[in-house]
N, C-alpha and C. Protein backbone atom coordinates (compact mmCIF):
# COMPACT_ATOMS: atom_id res chain seq x y z
N MET A 1 17.33 5.69 -13.17
CA MET A 1 16.32 6.58 -12.65
C MET A 1 15.42 7.01 -13.80
N SER A 2 14.33 7.60 -13.49
CA SER A 2 13.31 7.94 -14.47
C SER A 2 13.61 9.27 -15.17
N ALA A 3 13.05 9.42 -16.35
CA ALA A 3 13.17 10.67 -17.08
C ALA A 3 12.28 11.76 -16.47
N TYR A 4 11.48 11.41 -15.45
CA TYR A 4 10.60 12.38 -14.82
C TYR A 4 11.39 13.46 -14.07
N PHE A 5 12.64 13.19 -13.75
CA PHE A 5 13.38 14.10 -12.89
C PHE A 5 14.62 14.63 -13.60
N PRO A 6 14.92 15.92 -13.43
CA PRO A 6 16.15 16.44 -13.99
C PRO A 6 17.35 15.84 -13.26
N TRP A 7 18.52 15.95 -13.87
CA TRP A 7 19.73 15.32 -13.36
C TRP A 7 19.99 15.68 -11.90
N GLY A 8 19.84 16.94 -11.52
CA GLY A 8 20.14 17.35 -10.14
C GLY A 8 19.27 16.63 -9.13
N TYR A 9 18.00 16.46 -9.45
CA TYR A 9 17.09 15.75 -8.55
C TYR A 9 17.50 14.29 -8.40
N GLN A 10 17.84 13.69 -9.53
CA GLN A 10 18.28 12.30 -9.53
C GLN A 10 19.55 12.16 -8.69
N PHE A 11 20.49 13.09 -8.86
CA PHE A 11 21.74 13.02 -8.12
C PHE A 11 21.50 13.13 -6.62
N PHE A 12 20.59 14.02 -6.20
CA PHE A 12 20.30 14.19 -4.78
C PHE A 12 19.84 12.88 -4.16
N PHE A 13 18.89 12.22 -4.81
CA PHE A 13 18.37 10.98 -4.26
C PHE A 13 19.39 9.85 -4.36
N MET A 14 20.07 9.77 -5.48
CA MET A 14 21.00 8.67 -5.69
C MET A 14 22.20 8.77 -4.75
N SER A 15 22.59 9.98 -4.35
CA SER A 15 23.76 10.13 -3.51
C SER A 15 23.46 9.74 -2.06
N GLU A 16 22.22 9.80 -1.65
CA GLU A 16 21.88 9.51 -0.27
C GLU A 16 21.71 8.02 -0.01
N LEU A 17 20.99 7.36 -0.88
CA LEU A 17 20.81 5.91 -0.84
C LEU A 17 21.15 5.37 -2.22
N ASN A 18 21.60 4.16 -2.27
CA ASN A 18 21.79 3.53 -3.57
C ASN A 18 20.45 2.93 -3.96
N LEU A 19 19.81 3.48 -4.99
CA LEU A 19 18.49 3.04 -5.44
C LEU A 19 18.62 2.23 -6.71
N LYS A 20 18.11 1.01 -6.66
CA LYS A 20 18.12 0.14 -7.84
C LYS A 20 16.68 -0.05 -8.30
N PRO A 21 16.39 0.22 -9.57
CA PRO A 21 15.01 0.06 -10.06
C PRO A 21 14.50 -1.36 -9.83
N LEU A 22 13.29 -1.44 -9.31
CA LEU A 22 12.63 -2.73 -9.13
C LEU A 22 11.41 -2.81 -10.06
N TYR A 23 10.53 -1.80 -9.97
CA TYR A 23 9.35 -1.73 -10.84
C TYR A 23 9.27 -0.32 -11.41
N SER A 24 9.20 -0.20 -12.72
CA SER A 24 9.11 1.10 -13.38
C SER A 24 7.74 1.73 -13.13
N ALA A 25 7.65 3.02 -13.39
CA ALA A 25 6.37 3.72 -13.29
C ALA A 25 5.34 3.09 -14.22
N GLU A 26 5.78 2.64 -15.37
CA GLU A 26 4.88 2.01 -16.33
C GLU A 26 4.36 0.67 -15.80
N THR A 27 5.22 -0.09 -15.16
CA THR A 27 4.82 -1.37 -14.57
C THR A 27 3.82 -1.14 -13.45
N VAL A 28 4.08 -0.14 -12.63
CA VAL A 28 3.16 0.19 -11.53
C VAL A 28 1.80 0.60 -12.10
N ALA A 29 1.80 1.45 -13.10
CA ALA A 29 0.53 1.90 -13.71
C ALA A 29 -0.25 0.73 -14.30
N ALA A 30 0.43 -0.16 -14.99
CA ALA A 30 -0.25 -1.33 -15.57
C ALA A 30 -0.80 -2.23 -14.47
N THR A 31 -0.09 -2.34 -13.37
CA THR A 31 -0.54 -3.15 -12.24
C THR A 31 -1.80 -2.56 -11.61
N VAL A 32 -1.81 -1.25 -11.44
CA VAL A 32 -2.99 -0.58 -10.88
C VAL A 32 -4.19 -0.79 -11.79
N THR A 33 -4.00 -0.70 -13.09
CA THR A 33 -5.09 -0.93 -14.04
C THR A 33 -5.62 -2.35 -13.93
N ARG A 34 -4.73 -3.32 -13.83
CA ARG A 34 -5.15 -4.73 -13.68
C ARG A 34 -5.95 -4.91 -12.40
N LEU A 35 -5.48 -4.36 -11.29
CA LEU A 35 -6.20 -4.49 -10.02
C LEU A 35 -7.58 -3.84 -10.10
N ALA A 36 -7.66 -2.65 -10.70
CA ALA A 36 -8.95 -1.97 -10.83
C ALA A 36 -9.92 -2.80 -11.67
N THR A 37 -9.43 -3.45 -12.71
CA THR A 37 -10.27 -4.31 -13.54
C THR A 37 -10.83 -5.46 -12.72
N GLU A 38 -10.00 -6.08 -11.90
CA GLU A 38 -10.45 -7.18 -11.04
C GLU A 38 -11.48 -6.70 -10.01
N ILE A 39 -11.23 -5.55 -9.42
CA ILE A 39 -12.15 -4.99 -8.43
C ILE A 39 -13.48 -4.63 -9.09
N ASN A 40 -13.44 -4.00 -10.25
CA ASN A 40 -14.67 -3.67 -10.97
C ASN A 40 -15.50 -4.92 -11.25
N ARG A 41 -14.85 -5.98 -11.66
CA ARG A 41 -15.54 -7.25 -11.94
C ARG A 41 -16.18 -7.81 -10.67
N ASP A 42 -15.44 -7.83 -9.58
CA ASP A 42 -15.91 -8.47 -8.35
C ASP A 42 -16.94 -7.66 -7.57
N TYR A 43 -16.97 -6.36 -7.76
CA TYR A 43 -17.88 -5.50 -6.98
C TYR A 43 -18.98 -4.88 -7.85
N GLN A 44 -19.31 -5.48 -8.97
CA GLN A 44 -20.39 -4.96 -9.81
C GLN A 44 -21.68 -4.87 -8.99
N GLY A 45 -22.35 -3.74 -9.10
CA GLY A 45 -23.62 -3.55 -8.42
C GLY A 45 -23.50 -3.30 -6.92
N VAL A 46 -22.30 -3.01 -6.44
CA VAL A 46 -22.06 -2.83 -5.00
C VAL A 46 -21.45 -1.46 -4.75
N ASP A 47 -21.89 -0.80 -3.69
CA ASP A 47 -21.22 0.41 -3.22
C ASP A 47 -20.00 -0.04 -2.41
N LEU A 48 -18.85 0.49 -2.74
CA LEU A 48 -17.60 0.04 -2.15
C LEU A 48 -16.96 1.16 -1.33
N LEU A 49 -16.46 0.80 -0.16
CA LEU A 49 -15.69 1.73 0.67
C LEU A 49 -14.23 1.32 0.62
N LEU A 50 -13.40 2.19 0.08
CA LEU A 50 -11.96 1.96 0.07
C LEU A 50 -11.38 2.57 1.34
N VAL A 51 -10.57 1.79 2.05
CA VAL A 51 -9.90 2.27 3.26
C VAL A 51 -8.40 2.27 2.98
N GLY A 52 -7.86 3.46 2.77
CA GLY A 52 -6.43 3.60 2.52
C GLY A 52 -5.67 3.63 3.83
N ILE A 53 -4.54 2.94 3.85
CA ILE A 53 -3.70 2.91 5.04
C ILE A 53 -2.57 3.91 4.83
N LEU A 54 -2.61 4.96 5.63
CA LEU A 54 -1.64 6.05 5.51
C LEU A 54 -0.32 5.69 6.17
N LYS A 55 0.73 6.24 5.69
CA LYS A 55 0.81 7.22 4.64
C LYS A 55 1.11 6.56 3.29
N GLY A 56 1.64 5.38 3.32
CA GLY A 56 2.18 4.75 2.12
C GLY A 56 1.22 4.51 0.98
N SER A 57 -0.07 4.37 1.26
CA SER A 57 -1.01 4.01 0.20
C SER A 57 -1.60 5.20 -0.55
N PHE A 58 -1.21 6.43 -0.20
CA PHE A 58 -1.93 7.58 -0.76
C PHE A 58 -1.83 7.69 -2.28
N LEU A 59 -0.70 7.41 -2.87
CA LEU A 59 -0.61 7.45 -4.33
C LEU A 59 -1.36 6.29 -4.96
N PHE A 60 -1.20 5.12 -4.37
CA PHE A 60 -1.85 3.91 -4.88
C PHE A 60 -3.37 4.06 -4.86
N ILE A 61 -3.94 4.50 -3.75
CA ILE A 61 -5.40 4.62 -3.66
C ILE A 61 -5.91 5.72 -4.60
N ALA A 62 -5.13 6.78 -4.78
CA ALA A 62 -5.55 7.85 -5.71
C ALA A 62 -5.63 7.32 -7.13
N ASP A 63 -4.61 6.59 -7.55
CA ASP A 63 -4.61 6.05 -8.91
C ASP A 63 -5.65 4.94 -9.06
N LEU A 64 -5.79 4.11 -8.05
CA LEU A 64 -6.74 2.99 -8.11
C LEU A 64 -8.19 3.48 -8.18
N CYS A 65 -8.55 4.41 -7.32
CA CYS A 65 -9.96 4.85 -7.27
C CYS A 65 -10.40 5.52 -8.55
N ARG A 66 -9.47 6.16 -9.26
CA ARG A 66 -9.83 6.81 -10.53
C ARG A 66 -10.18 5.80 -11.61
N GLN A 67 -9.82 4.53 -11.40
CA GLN A 67 -10.12 3.49 -12.39
C GLN A 67 -11.23 2.55 -11.92
N ILE A 68 -11.74 2.77 -10.74
CA ILE A 68 -12.84 1.94 -10.24
C ILE A 68 -14.14 2.54 -10.73
N GLU A 69 -14.96 1.69 -11.33
CA GLU A 69 -16.19 2.16 -11.97
C GLU A 69 -17.44 1.97 -11.13
N VAL A 70 -17.36 1.25 -10.04
CA VAL A 70 -18.51 1.08 -9.15
C VAL A 70 -18.57 2.28 -8.21
N PRO A 71 -19.74 2.57 -7.61
CA PRO A 71 -19.80 3.67 -6.65
C PRO A 71 -18.81 3.44 -5.51
N VAL A 72 -18.01 4.45 -5.21
CA VAL A 72 -16.95 4.29 -4.23
C VAL A 72 -16.90 5.47 -3.26
N SER A 73 -16.66 5.15 -2.00
CA SER A 73 -16.35 6.14 -0.96
C SER A 73 -14.94 5.83 -0.49
N ILE A 74 -14.28 6.83 0.09
CA ILE A 74 -12.91 6.64 0.53
C ILE A 74 -12.75 7.18 1.94
N ASP A 75 -12.04 6.43 2.75
CA ASP A 75 -11.65 6.88 4.09
C ASP A 75 -10.23 6.40 4.33
N PHE A 76 -9.63 6.87 5.41
CA PHE A 76 -8.25 6.53 5.69
C PHE A 76 -8.06 6.13 7.15
N MET A 77 -7.08 5.28 7.37
CA MET A 77 -6.62 4.93 8.71
C MET A 77 -5.11 5.08 8.70
N ARG A 78 -4.56 5.29 9.89
CA ARG A 78 -3.11 5.32 10.02
C ARG A 78 -2.74 4.48 11.23
N LEU A 79 -1.86 3.54 10.98
CA LEU A 79 -1.34 2.69 12.04
C LEU A 79 0.17 2.83 12.06
N ALA A 80 0.75 2.61 13.21
CA ALA A 80 2.20 2.68 13.32
C ALA A 80 2.67 1.48 14.12
N SER A 81 3.80 0.95 13.69
CA SER A 81 4.44 -0.11 14.47
C SER A 81 5.82 0.38 14.84
N TYR A 82 6.12 0.29 16.10
CA TYR A 82 7.41 0.75 16.57
C TYR A 82 8.47 -0.30 16.29
N GLY A 83 9.68 0.16 16.10
CA GLY A 83 10.79 -0.75 15.84
C GLY A 83 11.91 0.00 15.16
N SER A 84 12.81 -0.72 14.52
CA SER A 84 13.89 -0.06 13.79
C SER A 84 13.31 0.64 12.58
N GLU A 85 14.14 1.37 11.89
CA GLU A 85 13.66 2.13 10.73
C GLU A 85 13.22 1.24 9.58
N THR A 86 13.68 0.00 9.55
CA THR A 86 13.37 -0.86 8.41
C THR A 86 12.62 -2.13 8.81
N GLN A 87 12.29 -2.27 10.09
CA GLN A 87 11.61 -3.50 10.52
C GLN A 87 10.64 -3.20 11.66
N SER A 88 9.47 -3.84 11.62
CA SER A 88 8.42 -3.64 12.62
C SER A 88 8.74 -4.38 13.91
N SER A 89 8.24 -3.82 15.01
CA SER A 89 8.39 -4.48 16.30
C SER A 89 7.21 -5.40 16.59
N GLY A 90 6.11 -5.20 15.86
CA GLY A 90 4.91 -5.98 16.11
C GLY A 90 3.94 -5.30 17.06
N ILE A 91 4.33 -4.16 17.63
CA ILE A 91 3.44 -3.38 18.50
C ILE A 91 2.73 -2.36 17.62
N ILE A 92 1.41 -2.52 17.48
CA ILE A 92 0.65 -1.70 16.53
C ILE A 92 -0.17 -0.65 17.28
N GLU A 93 -0.02 0.61 16.86
CA GLU A 93 -0.76 1.72 17.46
C GLU A 93 -1.65 2.35 16.39
N LEU A 94 -2.92 2.58 16.72
CA LEU A 94 -3.85 3.26 15.84
C LEU A 94 -3.67 4.76 16.02
N ARG A 95 -3.27 5.45 14.95
CA ARG A 95 -3.02 6.90 15.02
C ARG A 95 -4.14 7.72 14.40
N LYS A 96 -4.87 7.14 13.43
CA LYS A 96 -6.02 7.81 12.83
C LYS A 96 -7.05 6.75 12.50
N ASP A 97 -8.25 6.96 13.01
CA ASP A 97 -9.32 5.99 12.79
C ASP A 97 -10.22 6.47 11.66
N LEU A 98 -11.10 5.58 11.24
CA LEU A 98 -12.06 5.90 10.19
C LEU A 98 -13.04 6.96 10.66
N GLU A 99 -13.52 7.74 9.71
CA GLU A 99 -14.56 8.72 9.99
C GLU A 99 -15.92 8.20 9.53
N ILE A 100 -15.92 7.18 8.66
CA ILE A 100 -17.14 6.59 8.10
C ILE A 100 -17.38 5.26 8.80
N SER A 101 -18.62 5.00 9.19
CA SER A 101 -18.97 3.70 9.76
C SER A 101 -18.88 2.63 8.67
N ILE A 102 -18.34 1.47 9.03
CA ILE A 102 -18.25 0.38 8.05
C ILE A 102 -19.29 -0.70 8.29
N ARG A 103 -20.11 -0.55 9.30
CA ARG A 103 -21.13 -1.55 9.61
C ARG A 103 -22.03 -1.77 8.39
N GLY A 104 -22.11 -3.00 7.92
CA GLY A 104 -22.94 -3.35 6.79
C GLY A 104 -22.40 -2.91 5.44
N ARG A 105 -21.19 -2.37 5.39
CA ARG A 105 -20.59 -1.88 4.14
C ARG A 105 -19.62 -2.91 3.56
N HIS A 106 -19.44 -2.85 2.25
CA HIS A 106 -18.41 -3.65 1.58
C HIS A 106 -17.13 -2.83 1.61
N VAL A 107 -16.12 -3.36 2.31
CA VAL A 107 -14.89 -2.61 2.59
C VAL A 107 -13.70 -3.29 1.91
N LEU A 108 -12.90 -2.47 1.25
CA LEU A 108 -11.66 -2.95 0.65
C LEU A 108 -10.52 -2.12 1.23
N ILE A 109 -9.66 -2.77 1.99
CA ILE A 109 -8.47 -2.12 2.53
C ILE A 109 -7.46 -1.99 1.40
N VAL A 110 -6.92 -0.80 1.25
CA VAL A 110 -5.92 -0.53 0.22
C VAL A 110 -4.59 -0.26 0.93
N GLU A 111 -3.68 -1.20 0.77
CA GLU A 111 -2.40 -1.18 1.49
C GLU A 111 -1.26 -1.09 0.49
N ASP A 112 -0.23 -0.33 0.83
CA ASP A 112 0.93 -0.22 -0.06
C ASP A 112 1.74 -1.51 -0.07
N ILE A 113 1.99 -2.10 1.10
CA ILE A 113 2.84 -3.27 1.17
C ILE A 113 2.44 -4.16 2.34
N ILE A 114 2.47 -5.45 2.13
CA ILE A 114 2.33 -6.42 3.21
C ILE A 114 3.70 -7.03 3.41
N ASP A 115 4.24 -6.85 4.60
CA ASP A 115 5.58 -7.33 4.91
C ASP A 115 5.47 -8.44 5.95
N SER A 116 5.61 -8.12 7.22
CA SER A 116 5.48 -9.15 8.27
C SER A 116 4.04 -9.65 8.36
N GLY A 117 3.08 -8.80 8.00
CA GLY A 117 1.67 -9.13 8.11
C GLY A 117 1.07 -8.76 9.45
N LEU A 118 1.89 -8.34 10.39
CA LEU A 118 1.40 -8.04 11.75
C LEU A 118 0.45 -6.84 11.76
N THR A 119 0.80 -5.78 11.05
CA THR A 119 -0.07 -4.60 11.02
C THR A 119 -1.40 -4.94 10.37
N LEU A 120 -1.36 -5.64 9.25
CA LEU A 120 -2.59 -6.01 8.56
C LEU A 120 -3.44 -6.95 9.41
N GLN A 121 -2.84 -7.89 10.09
CA GLN A 121 -3.58 -8.80 10.97
C GLN A 121 -4.30 -8.01 12.06
N SER A 122 -3.61 -7.06 12.68
CA SER A 122 -4.21 -6.23 13.72
C SER A 122 -5.36 -5.40 13.14
N LEU A 123 -5.15 -4.83 11.97
CA LEU A 123 -6.18 -4.02 11.32
C LEU A 123 -7.42 -4.84 10.99
N LEU A 124 -7.23 -6.01 10.40
CA LEU A 124 -8.37 -6.87 10.07
C LEU A 124 -9.17 -7.24 11.31
N HIS A 125 -8.49 -7.54 12.39
CA HIS A 125 -9.17 -7.87 13.64
C HIS A 125 -10.03 -6.69 14.11
N ARG A 126 -9.45 -5.49 14.09
CA ARG A 126 -10.18 -4.28 14.51
C ARG A 126 -11.42 -4.05 13.64
N LEU A 127 -11.25 -4.19 12.33
CA LEU A 127 -12.35 -3.87 11.42
C LEU A 127 -13.43 -4.94 11.41
N ARG A 128 -13.09 -6.20 11.59
CA ARG A 128 -14.11 -7.26 11.65
C ARG A 128 -15.05 -7.04 12.83
N GLU A 129 -14.55 -6.49 13.91
CA GLU A 129 -15.39 -6.20 15.08
C GLU A 129 -16.46 -5.16 14.77
N ARG A 130 -16.27 -4.39 13.72
CA ARG A 130 -17.22 -3.34 13.34
C ARG A 130 -18.29 -3.84 12.37
N GLN A 131 -18.30 -5.11 12.08
CA GLN A 131 -19.32 -5.82 11.31
C GLN A 131 -19.58 -5.27 9.91
N PRO A 132 -18.54 -5.24 9.07
CA PRO A 132 -18.78 -4.88 7.68
C PRO A 132 -19.49 -6.02 6.95
N ALA A 133 -20.16 -5.72 5.84
CA ALA A 133 -20.80 -6.76 5.03
C ALA A 133 -19.74 -7.67 4.43
N SER A 134 -18.63 -7.09 4.00
CA SER A 134 -17.48 -7.86 3.52
C SER A 134 -16.23 -7.05 3.80
N LEU A 135 -15.11 -7.75 3.90
CA LEU A 135 -13.84 -7.10 4.20
C LEU A 135 -12.74 -7.82 3.42
N LYS A 136 -12.13 -7.11 2.48
CA LYS A 136 -11.06 -7.68 1.67
C LYS A 136 -9.87 -6.73 1.66
N VAL A 137 -8.74 -7.24 1.14
CA VAL A 137 -7.50 -6.48 1.12
C VAL A 137 -6.94 -6.43 -0.29
N CYS A 138 -6.53 -5.23 -0.70
CA CYS A 138 -5.81 -5.02 -1.95
C CYS A 138 -4.44 -4.44 -1.59
N ALA A 139 -3.38 -5.17 -1.94
CA ALA A 139 -2.02 -4.72 -1.64
C ALA A 139 -1.25 -4.51 -2.94
N LEU A 140 -0.58 -3.39 -3.03
CA LEU A 140 0.26 -3.14 -4.20
C LEU A 140 1.44 -4.10 -4.22
N ILE A 141 2.10 -4.27 -3.07
CA ILE A 141 3.29 -5.12 -2.98
C ILE A 141 3.06 -6.19 -1.91
N ASP A 142 3.34 -7.42 -2.27
CA ASP A 142 3.30 -8.53 -1.31
C ASP A 142 4.74 -9.02 -1.15
N LYS A 143 5.33 -8.71 0.00
CA LYS A 143 6.71 -9.08 0.29
C LYS A 143 6.69 -10.28 1.24
N ARG A 144 7.14 -11.40 0.77
CA ARG A 144 6.94 -12.68 1.47
C ARG A 144 8.04 -13.05 2.48
N ALA A 145 9.25 -12.59 2.30
CA ALA A 145 10.40 -13.13 3.04
C ALA A 145 10.27 -12.97 4.56
N ARG A 146 9.69 -11.87 5.01
CA ARG A 146 9.62 -11.63 6.46
C ARG A 146 8.22 -11.83 7.04
N ARG A 147 7.36 -12.55 6.33
CA ARG A 147 6.00 -12.78 6.79
C ARG A 147 6.03 -13.56 8.09
N GLU A 148 5.38 -13.04 9.12
CA GLU A 148 5.34 -13.67 10.44
C GLU A 148 4.00 -14.29 10.76
N VAL A 149 2.97 -13.94 10.01
CA VAL A 149 1.63 -14.48 10.24
C VAL A 149 1.07 -14.99 8.92
N ASP A 150 0.14 -15.92 9.02
CA ASP A 150 -0.47 -16.50 7.82
C ASP A 150 -1.59 -15.58 7.37
N ILE A 151 -1.26 -14.70 6.45
CA ILE A 151 -2.22 -13.72 5.97
C ILE A 151 -1.98 -13.48 4.49
N GLU A 152 -3.06 -13.36 3.74
CA GLU A 152 -2.97 -13.16 2.29
C GLU A 152 -3.89 -12.02 1.89
N ALA A 153 -3.48 -11.28 0.88
CA ALA A 153 -4.34 -10.25 0.30
C ALA A 153 -5.26 -10.89 -0.72
N ASP A 154 -6.44 -10.31 -0.90
CA ASP A 154 -7.39 -10.79 -1.90
C ASP A 154 -6.98 -10.33 -3.30
N TYR A 155 -6.36 -9.17 -3.37
CA TYR A 155 -5.87 -8.61 -4.62
C TYR A 155 -4.41 -8.23 -4.41
N VAL A 156 -3.53 -8.78 -5.22
CA VAL A 156 -2.09 -8.52 -5.09
C VAL A 156 -1.58 -7.94 -6.39
N GLY A 157 -0.89 -6.82 -6.28
CA GLY A 157 -0.33 -6.18 -7.46
C GLY A 157 0.97 -6.80 -7.88
N LEU A 158 1.98 -6.66 -7.06
CA LEU A 158 3.33 -7.11 -7.38
C LEU A 158 3.87 -7.91 -6.20
N THR A 159 4.78 -8.81 -6.47
CA THR A 159 5.37 -9.60 -5.39
C THR A 159 6.89 -9.44 -5.41
N MET A 160 7.47 -9.63 -4.25
CA MET A 160 8.92 -9.62 -4.12
C MET A 160 9.29 -10.48 -2.92
N ASP A 161 10.54 -10.92 -2.90
CA ASP A 161 10.98 -11.74 -1.79
C ASP A 161 11.41 -10.89 -0.60
N ASP A 162 12.45 -10.12 -0.77
CA ASP A 162 12.95 -9.33 0.34
C ASP A 162 13.65 -8.09 -0.19
N GLY A 163 13.94 -7.18 0.70
CA GLY A 163 14.61 -5.94 0.36
C GLY A 163 13.78 -4.76 0.85
N PHE A 164 14.44 -3.66 1.10
CA PHE A 164 13.78 -2.44 1.54
C PHE A 164 13.50 -1.59 0.31
N ILE A 165 12.23 -1.20 0.12
CA ILE A 165 11.85 -0.49 -1.09
C ILE A 165 11.30 0.90 -0.78
N VAL A 166 11.48 1.80 -1.75
CA VAL A 166 10.97 3.16 -1.66
C VAL A 166 10.36 3.54 -3.00
N GLY A 167 9.58 4.60 -2.98
CA GLY A 167 8.96 5.13 -4.19
C GLY A 167 7.49 4.81 -4.25
N TYR A 168 6.76 5.57 -5.04
CA TYR A 168 5.32 5.41 -5.23
C TYR A 168 4.59 5.28 -3.88
N GLY A 169 4.90 6.21 -2.98
CA GLY A 169 4.25 6.25 -1.67
C GLY A 169 5.06 5.62 -0.56
N LEU A 170 5.95 4.72 -0.89
CA LEU A 170 6.79 4.05 0.12
C LEU A 170 7.98 4.94 0.46
N ASP A 171 8.33 4.99 1.73
CA ASP A 171 9.34 5.96 2.14
C ASP A 171 10.47 5.34 2.95
N TYR A 172 11.51 6.14 3.07
CA TYR A 172 12.54 5.94 4.09
C TYR A 172 12.69 7.29 4.77
N ASP A 173 12.40 7.33 6.06
CA ASP A 173 12.50 8.56 6.85
C ASP A 173 11.68 9.69 6.21
N GLU A 174 10.47 9.36 5.74
CA GLU A 174 9.52 10.29 5.13
C GLU A 174 9.98 10.86 3.80
N ARG A 175 10.98 10.28 3.18
CA ARG A 175 11.43 10.74 1.87
C ARG A 175 11.28 9.63 0.84
N TYR A 176 11.39 10.01 -0.41
CA TYR A 176 11.33 9.11 -1.57
C TYR A 176 9.91 8.69 -1.97
N ARG A 177 8.88 9.11 -1.25
CA ARG A 177 7.50 8.73 -1.59
C ARG A 177 7.12 9.20 -2.99
N ASN A 178 7.70 10.31 -3.43
CA ASN A 178 7.31 10.94 -4.69
C ASN A 178 7.95 10.32 -5.93
N LEU A 179 8.81 9.34 -5.78
CA LEU A 179 9.39 8.70 -6.95
C LEU A 179 8.29 7.92 -7.68
N PRO A 180 8.24 8.02 -9.00
CA PRO A 180 7.14 7.40 -9.74
C PRO A 180 7.24 5.88 -9.86
N GLY A 181 8.43 5.34 -9.74
CA GLY A 181 8.62 3.88 -9.76
C GLY A 181 8.93 3.38 -8.36
N ILE A 182 9.25 2.11 -8.27
CA ILE A 182 9.61 1.50 -6.98
C ILE A 182 11.04 0.99 -7.08
N TYR A 183 11.82 1.29 -6.04
CA TYR A 183 13.24 1.02 -6.04
C TYR A 183 13.65 0.21 -4.81
N ILE A 184 14.62 -0.65 -4.98
CA ILE A 184 15.29 -1.29 -3.85
C ILE A 184 16.27 -0.27 -3.30
N ALA A 185 16.21 0.01 -2.00
CA ALA A 185 17.11 0.96 -1.38
C ALA A 185 18.22 0.20 -0.66
N GLU A 186 19.43 0.51 -1.03
CA GLU A 186 20.59 -0.06 -0.35
C GLU A 186 21.26 1.05 0.43
N PHE A 187 21.54 0.77 1.68
CA PHE A 187 22.09 1.77 2.56
C PHE A 187 23.62 1.78 2.48
N PRO A 188 24.22 2.99 2.38
CA PRO A 188 25.69 3.07 2.27
C PRO A 188 26.39 2.59 3.53
């Protein structure tokens, strides 16, 4: 566990789930910097609209936007897929829509993780109908093992095969989002 937390905090989290470090806070920070550098290069001279997908992307988009040097606006969407606690059913519900029109705008979706790809596929379909000038995806984590649709992010931070992860915005039952690194969660 990280030095960011006193022993009691670490014990509370570690006793509930078995957390194994996957990516340190330093690795995550370096990844965000690399992605911001790529985005700055590709969007020079363009006003960019970042669309964060709630709730998981809130830390990622906050850190990312502070390193983006082109003019940027931010909006959020929230989608939910029903299913078990660790796996999507493929039924996607829009819970919060954009407040900013994307028609004619350069839009970059900022997603915490691409897993099955079903939520992202549904989102891309919805947003393309609104006629943005461009539409791309930046994902912090690309998890390939359970991919059900042929979909790729334009900007990928980190990759993994399989496993349930928490930390840096990713949760289990609305907890663990505040961990500074990313951990594989093993259930007792």
